Amino acid sequence: ERGSFLKGYWQLNDGEGIVATDLVSGNDARQVSSGPVWDFDQTRVVGPSGLRWNGRNGFIHWQFSSADMTTFFAGPATNYNWTLEFCATFDMESGETTVRDQTVLWTGSNATNPSPIGIRVVSNNLVFYYYSGGVLTTITNTLNLATYVRTRLRVIVSRSYTAANSVITFRIIVDN
């Protein structure tokens, strides 16, 4: 159920084209660089379709129609709690033994520090990046992605904020 507190909700199951429809506020995202292809295999996606990463260092750069989303994952000066959740299925070419390094999600235009979140495959593991207040935090999930090739994985990153601290949680669940 989507509550009134949501800033945006993109199912990423549009099935065609380069626009991800925002079901909450009309803040549609347009793909402005090369990336994955639509996948309709119901063993790998949730809903009618999803995005398939071909293991070719691909990425998507989404450009939102509203500047509001660039500040949504804001730093410690704001009291936002947020959750980013998506399903991903990784693949390998014949003869490969690890999932290739690639960017799955990256916000902003700085290749070193996201503005403020990013997720990459690095050395066969998923790594989450959070840049806030001039500090880059990285969390590595040592799942060994090669073990889960062609398996649907649910990736969940959340931030819980209180006046005392901000806690980032990064989880990956094998989604059967």
Protein backbone atom coordinates (compact mmCIF):
# COMPACT_ATOMS: atom_id res chain seq x y z
CA GLU A 1 0.00 0.00 0.00
CA ARG A 2 1.31 3.44 -0.95
CA GLY A 3 0.82 6.12 1.68
CA SER A 4 0.67 9.88 1.30
CA PHE A 5 4.21 10.11 2.72
CA LEU A 6 5.78 8.73 -0.49
CA LYS A 7 7.70 11.16 -2.69
CA GLY A 8 7.88 8.75 -5.61
CA TYR A 9 7.08 5.16 -6.60
CA TRP A 10 8.60 3.65 -9.74
CA GLN A 11 7.75 0.01 -10.36
CA LEU A 12 10.30 -0.20 -13.22
CA ASN A 13 8.06 -2.68 -14.96
CA ASP A 14 6.84 -0.43 -17.77
CA GLY A 15 7.98 -3.06 -20.31
CA GLU A 16 8.99 -0.67 -23.07
CA GLY A 17 10.56 2.65 -23.79
CA ILE A 18 12.90 4.77 -21.72
CA VAL A 19 10.52 6.39 -19.22
CA ALA A 20 9.87 4.98 -15.72
CA THR A 21 6.43 6.12 -14.64
CA ASP A 22 6.05 7.59 -11.14
CA LEU A 23 2.76 6.32 -9.71
CA VAL A 24 2.69 8.88 -6.87
CA SER A 25 3.59 12.37 -7.98
CA GLY A 26 4.12 12.30 -11.74
CA ASN A 27 7.87 12.69 -11.29
CA ASP A 28 8.64 10.35 -14.18
CA ALA A 29 12.25 9.35 -14.78
CA ARG A 30 13.75 9.32 -18.25
CA GLN A 31 16.67 7.07 -19.12
CA VAL A 32 19.40 9.26 -20.59
CA SER A 33 22.18 6.69 -21.04
CA SER A 34 22.57 3.08 -22.09
CA GLY A 35 21.63 0.28 -19.77
CA PRO A 36 19.71 -2.94 -19.34
CA VAL A 37 16.86 -4.29 -21.44
CA TRP A 38 13.28 -5.11 -20.50
CA ASP A 39 12.81 -8.70 -19.33
CA PHE A 40 9.45 -10.50 -19.34
CA ASP A 41 10.58 -13.85 -17.86
CA GLN A 42 8.32 -14.31 -14.82
CA THR A 43 10.96 -16.42 -13.04
CA ARG A 44 13.19 -13.34 -12.89
CA VAL A 45 10.89 -10.34 -12.53
CA VAL A 46 8.16 -9.12 -10.22
CA GLY A 47 5.12 -7.86 -12.11
CA PRO A 48 4.69 -7.89 -15.88
CA SER A 49 8.31 -6.96 -16.66
CA GLY A 50 11.58 -5.79 -15.18
CA LEU A 51 15.07 -4.64 -16.11
CA ARG A 52 17.70 -7.24 -17.04
CA TRP A 53 21.37 -6.42 -16.51
CA ASN A 54 23.40 -8.16 -19.19
CA GLY A 55 26.67 -8.21 -17.25
CA ARG A 56 28.22 -5.74 -19.66
CA ASN A 57 29.14 -2.87 -17.34
CA GLY A 58 25.78 -1.36 -18.16
CA PHE A 59 24.03 1.32 -16.19
CA ILE A 60 21.00 3.55 -16.29
CA HIS A 61 21.16 7.26 -15.65
CA TRP A 62 17.67 8.39 -14.74
CA GLN A 63 16.80 12.04 -15.11
CA PHE A 64 13.79 13.00 -13.00
CA SER A 65 11.21 15.50 -14.19
CA SER A 66 11.28 17.28 -10.83
CA ALA A 67 14.30 18.64 -8.97
CA ASP A 68 12.56 17.56 -5.74
CA MET A 69 13.90 14.00 -6.09
CA THR A 70 17.51 15.16 -6.14
CA THR A 71 17.14 16.17 -2.49
CA PHE A 72 14.92 13.28 -1.36
CA PHE A 73 17.75 11.07 -0.08
CA ALA A 74 19.04 14.05 1.85
CA GLY A 75 21.75 14.08 4.48
CA PRO A 76 21.74 14.40 8.25
CA ALA A 77 20.33 17.93 8.27
CA THR A 78 16.93 16.50 7.31
CA ASN A 79 14.77 14.03 9.14
CA TYR A 80 13.82 11.77 6.23
CA ASN A 81 13.47 8.06 6.70
CA TRP A 82 13.59 6.27 3.37
CA THR A 83 13.64 2.83 1.78
CA LEU A 84 14.90 1.86 -1.65
CA GLU A 85 13.79 -1.62 -2.69
CA PHE A 86 14.12 -3.40 -6.00
CA CYS A 87 14.59 -6.86 -7.49
CA ALA A 88 17.64 -7.63 -9.59
CA THR A 89 18.71 -10.65 -11.60
CA PHE A 90 22.34 -10.82 -12.69
CA ASP A 91 23.81 -12.86 -15.54
CA MET A 92 27.22 -13.94 -16.76
CA GLU A 93 28.55 -14.65 -20.23
CA SER A 94 29.63 -18.18 -21.08
CA GLY A 95 33.01 -18.93 -19.50
CA GLU A 96 32.84 -16.16 -16.88
CA THR A 97 33.21 -17.13 -13.23
CA THR A 98 32.12 -13.88 -11.56
CA VAL A 99 29.49 -11.24 -12.22
CA ARG A 100 31.18 -8.33 -13.97
CA ASP A 101 31.75 -5.07 -12.13
CA GLN A 102 28.95 -2.71 -13.07
CA THR A 103 26.86 0.18 -11.81
CA VAL A 104 23.30 -0.80 -10.90
CA LEU A 105 22.06 2.56 -9.59
CA TRP A 106 23.88 5.88 -9.27
CA THR A 107 22.46 9.29 -8.54
CA GLY A 108 24.22 12.50 -9.52
CA SER A 109 26.98 13.08 -12.06
CA ASN A 110 30.11 12.56 -9.93
CA ALA A 111 31.64 9.13 -10.67
CA THR A 112 33.35 8.92 -7.26
CA ASN A 113 30.71 10.24 -4.88
CA PRO A 114 27.03 9.74 -5.66
CA SER A 115 24.50 12.48 -4.91
CA PRO A 116 23.77 10.83 -2.57
CA ILE A 117 23.19 7.09 -3.24
CA GLY A 118 24.65 4.42 -5.49
CA ILE A 119 24.81 0.64 -5.86
CA ARG A 120 27.52 -1.17 -7.80
CA VAL A 121 28.73 -4.71 -8.38
CA VAL A 122 32.39 -4.78 -7.29
CA SER A 123 34.43 -7.99 -7.22
CA ASN A 124 31.29 -10.18 -7.38
CA ASN A 125 29.60 -8.37 -4.45
CA LEU A 126 26.99 -5.61 -4.21
CA VAL A 127 28.29 -2.38 -2.68
CA PHE A 128 26.04 0.45 -1.46
CA TYR A 129 27.36 4.04 -1.45
CA TYR A 130 25.87 6.91 0.56
CA TYR A 131 27.40 10.38 0.37
CA SER A 132 26.12 12.79 2.98
CA GLY A 133 27.60 15.80 4.72
CA GLY A 134 30.89 15.39 2.85
CA VAL A 135 31.34 11.82 4.09
CA LEU A 136 31.18 8.73 1.83
CA THR A 137 29.88 5.59 3.54
CA THR A 138 30.18 2.24 1.75
CA ILE A 139 28.55 -1.02 2.80
CA THR A 140 29.57 -4.26 1.05
CA ASN A 141 27.23 -7.25 1.00
CA THR A 142 29.40 -10.35 0.51
CA LEU A 143 26.74 -12.52 -1.09
CA ASN A 144 28.97 -13.89 -3.91
CA LEU A 145 26.70 -12.95 -6.81
CA ALA A 146 28.04 -15.72 -9.08
CA THR A 147 26.26 -18.22 -6.83
CA TYR A 148 22.95 -16.49 -7.55
CA VAL A 149 23.17 -15.91 -11.32
CA ARG A 150 19.71 -15.92 -12.93
CA THR A 151 18.13 -15.83 -9.46
CA ARG A 152 15.86 -12.99 -8.47
CA LEU A 153 17.39 -11.02 -5.60
CA ARG A 154 15.50 -8.43 -3.57
CA VAL A 155 17.78 -5.52 -2.65
CA ILE A 156 16.64 -3.33 0.25
CA VAL A 157 18.44 -0.22 1.51
CA SER A 158 16.88 1.94 4.18
CA ARG A 159 17.73 4.90 6.37
CA SER A 160 16.27 5.36 9.84
CA TYR A 161 16.75 8.85 11.20
CA THR A 162 16.39 10.09 14.77
CA ALA A 163 17.72 13.22 16.42
CA ALA A 164 20.49 11.06 17.92
CA ASN A 165 21.71 9.28 14.78
CA SER A 166 21.11 8.01 11.27
CA VAL A 167 21.33 4.27 10.56
CA ILE A 168 21.71 2.77 7.07
CA THR A 169 20.65 -0.87 6.56
CA PHE A 170 21.60 -2.84 3.41
CA ARG A 171 19.99 -6.26 2.87
CA ILE A 172 19.79 -8.74 0.02
CA ILE A 173 17.18 -11.49 0.09
CA VAL A 174 16.97 -14.43 -2.32
CA ASP A 175 13.45 -13.95 -3.68
CA ASN A 176 11.90 -17.33 -4.44
